[in-house]
Amino acid sequence: MKIVIQRVKSASVSIDGLIKEKIDSGLLLLVGVEDADTGWDLEYAVRKITQMRIFSDEQGKMNCSIQEIKGEILSISQFTLYASTKKGNRPSFSGAGKPDFAKAFYENFNEKLAEVVPTKSGVFGADMQIELVNDGPVTIILDTKEARKH
């Protein structure tokens, strides 16, 4: 999995001009799935995201998790995180998971997140418009393939 984690003051996802979901303080996740992802990747990502200390404490230090601030998550499927730009000018997305596998994996990921933190999501495969107010900004990239190497 590749996940872009953005700390936000607010975020929303719209489809066809209508807001589908909206969160206040929390995390906006852009989530890419590949066919090689396993239960290990899912559990690792959920644990890291829900326990990562990237919110400010009373002294202004990044020392609190999303659970501690009682934040929310807005999760958006994003196959383009697997774009390969090595050849030519048109990105290849062949590294992204096949749609049936990726959709089921993404939905399972959101269900696991929701067991720990209130989680909302976009619609897999839809043309979505995302609006956000970055907090910081704080943006972190989580790649479970890199974590598997250690």
C-alpha atoms as a PDB file:
ATOM      1  CA  MET A   1       0.000   0.000   0.000  1.00  0.00           C
ATOM      2  CA  LYS A   2       1.004   3.568  -0.623  1.00  0.00           C
ATOM      3  CA  ILE A   3      -0.760   6.146   1.494  1.00  0.00           C
ATOM      4  CA  VAL A   4      -0.398   9.905   1.509  1.00  0.00           C
ATOM      5  CA  ILE A   5      -1.375  11.116   4.982  1.00  0.00           C
ATOM      6  CA  GLN A   6      -2.359  14.766   5.282  1.00  0.00           C
ATOM      7  CA  ARG A   7      -3.144  16.396   8.616  1.00  0.00           C
ATOM      8  CA  VAL A   8      -6.166  18.604   7.997  1.00  0.00           C
ATOM      9  CA  LYS A   9      -8.327  21.162   9.763  1.00  0.00           C
ATOM     10  CA  SER A  10     -11.159  20.063   7.446  1.00  0.00           C
ATOM     11  CA  ALA A  11     -11.664  17.993   4.316  1.00  0.00           C
ATOM     12  CA  SER A  12     -14.536  16.963   2.080  1.00  0.00           C
ATOM     13  CA  VAL A  13     -15.147  14.772  -0.937  1.00  0.00           C
ATOM     14  CA  SER A  14     -17.714  15.671  -3.581  1.00  0.00           C
ATOM     15  CA  ILE A  15     -19.096  13.652  -6.470  1.00  0.00           C
ATOM     16  CA  ASP A  16     -21.022  15.378  -9.265  1.00  0.00           C
ATOM     17  CA  GLY A  17     -20.965  18.627  -7.289  1.00  0.00           C
ATOM     18  CA  LEU A  18     -22.560  17.134  -4.156  1.00  0.00           C
ATOM     19  CA  ILE A  19     -20.627  16.690  -0.907  1.00  0.00           C
ATOM     20  CA  LYS A  20     -20.556  12.983  -0.084  1.00  0.00           C
ATOM     21  CA  GLU A  21     -18.509  13.149   3.137  1.00  0.00           C
ATOM     22  CA  LYS A  22     -16.874  15.802   5.282  1.00  0.00           C
ATOM     23  CA  ILE A  23     -14.600  15.767   8.329  1.00  0.00           C
ATOM     24  CA  ASP A  24     -13.263  18.370  10.688  1.00  0.00           C
ATOM     25  CA  SER A  25      -9.874  17.986  12.390  1.00  0.00           C
ATOM     26  CA  GLY A  26      -8.149  14.763  11.425  1.00  0.00           C
ATOM     27  CA  LEU A  27      -6.467  13.019   8.524  1.00  0.00           C
ATOM     28  CA  LEU A  28      -7.093  12.926   4.803  1.00  0.00           C
ATOM     29  CA  LEU A  29      -5.728   9.674   3.378  1.00  0.00           C
ATOM     30  CA  LEU A  30      -5.019   9.066  -0.304  1.00  0.00           C
ATOM     31  CA  VAL A  31      -4.820   5.274  -0.507  1.00  0.00           C
ATOM     32  CA  GLY A  32      -3.241   3.192  -3.268  1.00  0.00           C
ATOM     33  CA  VAL A  33      -3.394  -0.607  -3.314  1.00  0.00           C
ATOM     34  CA  GLU A  34      -1.281  -3.074  -5.277  1.00  0.00           C
ATOM     35  CA  ASP A  35      -1.991  -6.753  -5.922  1.00  0.00           C
ATOM     36  CA  ALA A  36       0.937  -7.810  -3.696  1.00  0.00           C
ATOM     37  CA  ASP A  37      -0.673  -6.244  -0.610  1.00  0.00           C
ATOM     38  CA  THR A  38      -1.561  -8.651   2.171  1.00  0.00           C
ATOM     39  CA  GLY A  39      -3.171  -8.654   5.589  1.00  0.00           C
ATOM     40  CA  TRP A  40       0.217  -7.649   6.976  1.00  0.00           C
ATOM     41  CA  ASP A  41       0.167  -4.426   4.921  1.00  0.00           C
ATOM     42  CA  LEU A  42      -3.373  -3.653   6.034  1.00  0.00           C
ATOM     43  CA  GLU A  43      -2.696  -4.217   9.750  1.00  0.00           C
ATOM     44  CA  TYR A  44       0.600  -2.310   9.594  1.00  0.00           C
ATOM     45  CA  ALA A  45      -1.004   0.688   7.875  1.00  0.00           C
ATOM     46  CA  VAL A  46      -3.949   0.823  10.288  1.00  0.00           C
ATOM     47  CA  ARG A  47      -1.642   0.610  13.304  1.00  0.00           C
ATOM     48  CA  LYS A  48       0.753   3.268  11.998  1.00  0.00           C
ATOM     49  CA  ILE A  49      -1.963   5.705  10.950  1.00  0.00           C
ATOM     50  CA  THR A  50      -3.960   5.461  14.165  1.00  0.00           C
ATOM     51  CA  GLN A  51      -0.922   5.633  16.457  1.00  0.00           C
ATOM     52  CA  MET A  52       1.320   8.082  14.578  1.00  0.00           C
ATOM     53  CA  ARG A  53       2.031  11.105  16.779  1.00  0.00           C
ATOM     54  CA  ILE A  54       1.606  13.963  14.309  1.00  0.00           C
ATOM     55  CA  PHE A  55      -0.857  16.242  16.132  1.00  0.00           C
ATOM     56  CA  SER A  56       0.250  19.037  18.427  1.00  0.00           C
ATOM     57  CA  ASP A  57       0.108  18.763  22.210  1.00  0.00           C
ATOM     58  CA  GLU A  58      -0.354  21.705  24.607  1.00  0.00           C
ATOM     59  CA  GLN A  59       3.274  22.789  24.021  1.00  0.00           C
ATOM     60  CA  GLY A  60       2.849  22.767  20.242  1.00  0.00           C
ATOM     61  CA  LYS A  61       4.975  19.629  19.736  1.00  0.00           C
ATOM     62  CA  MET A  62       3.825  16.830  17.448  1.00  0.00           C
ATOM     63  CA  ASN A  63       3.160  14.402  20.250  1.00  0.00           C
ATOM     64  CA  CYS A  64      -0.481  13.266  19.913  1.00  0.00           C
ATOM     65  CA  SER A  65      -2.160  10.617  17.769  1.00  0.00           C
ATOM     66  CA  ILE A  66      -5.448  10.988  15.947  1.00  0.00           C
ATOM     67  CA  GLN A  67      -7.026   8.888  18.695  1.00  0.00           C
ATOM     68  CA  GLU A  68      -5.817  11.305  21.376  1.00  0.00           C
ATOM     69  CA  ILE A  69      -7.270  14.354  19.626  1.00  0.00           C
ATOM     70  CA  LYS A  70     -10.502  12.473  18.862  1.00  0.00           C
ATOM     71  CA  GLY A  71     -10.073  13.245  15.170  1.00  0.00           C
ATOM     72  CA  GLU A  72     -11.659  11.728  12.087  1.00  0.00           C
ATOM     73  CA  ILE A  73     -10.322  10.149   8.910  1.00  0.00           C
ATOM     74  CA  LEU A  74     -11.422  10.782   5.326  1.00  0.00           C
ATOM     75  CA  SER A  75     -10.069   7.959   3.147  1.00  0.00           C
ATOM     76  CA  ILE A  76      -9.918   8.345  -0.640  1.00  0.00           C
ATOM     77  CA  SER A  77      -8.901   5.589  -3.070  1.00  0.00           C
ATOM     78  CA  GLN A  78      -6.045   6.783  -5.281  1.00  0.00           C
ATOM     79  CA  PHE A  79      -4.682   4.279  -7.818  1.00  0.00           C
ATOM     80  CA  THR A  80      -2.535   7.017  -9.378  1.00  0.00           C
ATOM     81  CA  LEU A  81      -0.090   6.683  -6.456  1.00  0.00           C
ATOM     82  CA  TYR A  82       1.254   3.715  -8.434  1.00  0.00           C
ATOM     83  CA  ALA A  83       2.030   5.794 -11.527  1.00  0.00           C
ATOM     84  CA  SER A  84       5.252   4.886 -13.275  1.00  0.00           C
ATOM     85  CA  THR A  85       6.836   7.760 -15.171  1.00  0.00           C
ATOM     86  CA  LYS A  86       9.984   5.966 -16.320  1.00  0.00           C
ATOM     87  CA  LYS A  87       9.072   5.791 -20.017  1.00  0.00           C
ATOM     88  CA  GLY A  88       7.508   8.432 -22.215  1.00  0.00           C
ATOM     89  CA  ASN A  89       5.215  11.200 -21.078  1.00  0.00           C
ATOM     90  CA  ARG A  90       2.090   9.216 -20.280  1.00  0.00           C
ATOM     91  CA  PRO A  91       2.195   7.578 -16.822  1.00  0.00           C
ATOM     92  CA  SER A  92       1.592   3.851 -16.605  1.00  0.00           C
ATOM     93  CA  PHE A  93      -0.660   2.607 -13.818  1.00  0.00           C
ATOM     94  CA  SER A  94       0.081  -1.093 -14.293  1.00  0.00           C
ATOM     95  CA  GLY A  95       1.476  -1.285 -10.731  1.00  0.00           C
ATOM     96  CA  ALA A  96      -1.912  -0.462  -9.220  1.00  0.00           C
ATOM     97  CA  GLY A  97      -4.030  -3.317  -7.935  1.00  0.00           C
ATOM     98  CA  LYS A  98      -6.648  -4.878 -10.182  1.00  0.00           C
ATOM     99  CA  PRO A  99      -9.980  -3.140  -9.526  1.00  0.00           C
ATOM    100  CA  ASP A 100     -11.808  -6.057  -7.849  1.00  0.00           C
ATOM    101  CA  PHE A 101      -8.923  -6.813  -5.490  1.00  0.00           C
ATOM    102  CA  ALA A 102      -8.128  -3.147  -4.806  1.00  0.00           C
ATOM    103  CA  LYS A 103     -11.760  -2.259  -4.036  1.00  0.00           C
ATOM    104  CA  ALA A 104     -12.190  -5.129  -1.566  1.00  0.00           C
ATOM    105  CA  PHE A 105      -8.832  -4.379   0.069  1.00  0.00           C
ATOM    106  CA  TYR A 106      -9.569  -0.643   0.308  1.00  0.00           C
ATOM    107  CA  GLU A 107     -13.001  -1.284   1.854  1.00  0.00           C
ATOM    108  CA  ASN A 108     -11.489  -3.727   4.350  1.00  0.00           C
ATOM    109  CA  PHE A 109      -8.841  -1.121   5.219  1.00  0.00           C
ATOM    110  CA  ASN A 110     -11.559   1.470   5.901  1.00  0.00           C
ATOM    111  CA  GLU A 111     -13.507  -0.992   8.062  1.00  0.00           C
ATOM    112  CA  LYS A 112     -10.385  -1.722  10.141  1.00  0.00           C
ATOM    113  CA  LEU A 113      -9.664   2.002  10.534  1.00  0.00           C
ATOM    114  CA  ALA A 114     -13.279   2.604  11.628  1.00  0.00           C
ATOM    115  CA  GLU A 115     -12.812   0.109  14.471  1.00  0.00           C
ATOM    116  CA  VAL A 116     -10.299   2.567  15.965  1.00  0.00           C
ATOM    117  CA  VAL A 117     -11.134   6.054  14.614  1.00  0.00           C
ATOM    118  CA  PRO A 118     -14.306   7.483  13.019  1.00  0.00           C
ATOM    119  CA  THR A 119     -13.676   6.943   9.302  1.00  0.00           C
ATOM    120  CA  LYS A 120     -15.465   8.232   6.215  1.00  0.00           C
ATOM    121  CA  SER A 121     -14.588   7.498   2.617  1.00  0.00           C
ATOM    122  CA  GLY A 122     -15.059   8.455  -0.974  1.00  0.00           C
ATOM    123  CA  VAL A 123     -16.439   6.090  -3.613  1.00  0.00           C
ATOM    124  CA  PHE A 124     -13.947   3.636  -5.111  1.00  0.00           C
ATOM    125  CA  GLY A 125     -13.391   4.391  -8.796  1.00  0.00           C
ATOM    126  CA  ALA A 126     -15.517   7.546  -8.837  1.00  0.00           C
ATOM    127  CA  ASP A 127     -14.443  10.903 -10.229  1.00  0.00           C
ATOM    128  CA  MET A 128     -14.130  12.794  -6.952  1.00  0.00           C
ATOM    129  CA  GLN A 129     -13.270  16.350  -6.032  1.00  0.00           C
ATOM    130  CA  ILE A 130     -11.380  16.753  -2.770  1.00  0.00           C
ATOM    131  CA  GLU A 131     -11.255  19.975  -0.781  1.00  0.00           C
ATOM    132  CA  LEU A 132      -9.053  20.389   2.254  1.00  0.00           C
ATOM    133  CA  VAL A 133      -7.580  22.894   4.619  1.00  0.00           C
ATOM    134  CA  ASN A 134      -4.116  21.600   5.441  1.00  0.00           C
ATOM    135  CA  ASP A 135      -2.985  21.786   9.046  1.00  0.00           C
ATOM    136  CA  GLY A 136       0.691  22.681   9.217  1.00  0.00           C
ATOM    137  CA  PRO A 137       0.945  21.549   6.477  1.00  0.00           C
ATOM    138  CA  VAL A 138       1.900  18.078   7.600  1.00  0.00           C
ATOM    139  CA  THR A 139       2.060  15.483   4.809  1.00  0.00           C
ATOM    140  CA  ILE A 140       3.570  12.027   5.281  1.00  0.00           C
ATOM    141  CA  ILE A 141       3.982   9.164   2.816  1.00  0.00           C
ATOM    142  CA  LEU A 142       3.513   5.641   4.153  1.00  0.00           C
ATOM    143  CA  ASP A 143       4.705   2.803   1.888  1.00  0.00           C
ATOM    144  CA  THR A 144       4.134  -0.624   3.405  1.00  0.00           C
ATOM    145  CA  LYS A 145       6.464  -2.224   0.864  1.00  0.00           C
ATOM    146  CA  GLU A 146       9.304  -0.173   2.358  1.00  0.00           C
ATOM    147  CA  ALA A 147       8.295  -1.272   5.878  1.00  0.00           C
ATOM    148  CA  ARG A 148       8.353  -4.950   4.812  1.00  0.00           C
ATOM    149  CA  LYS A 149      12.069  -4.597   3.978  1.00  0.00           C
ATOM    150  CA  HIS A 150      12.989  -3.892   7.624  1.00  0.00           C
END
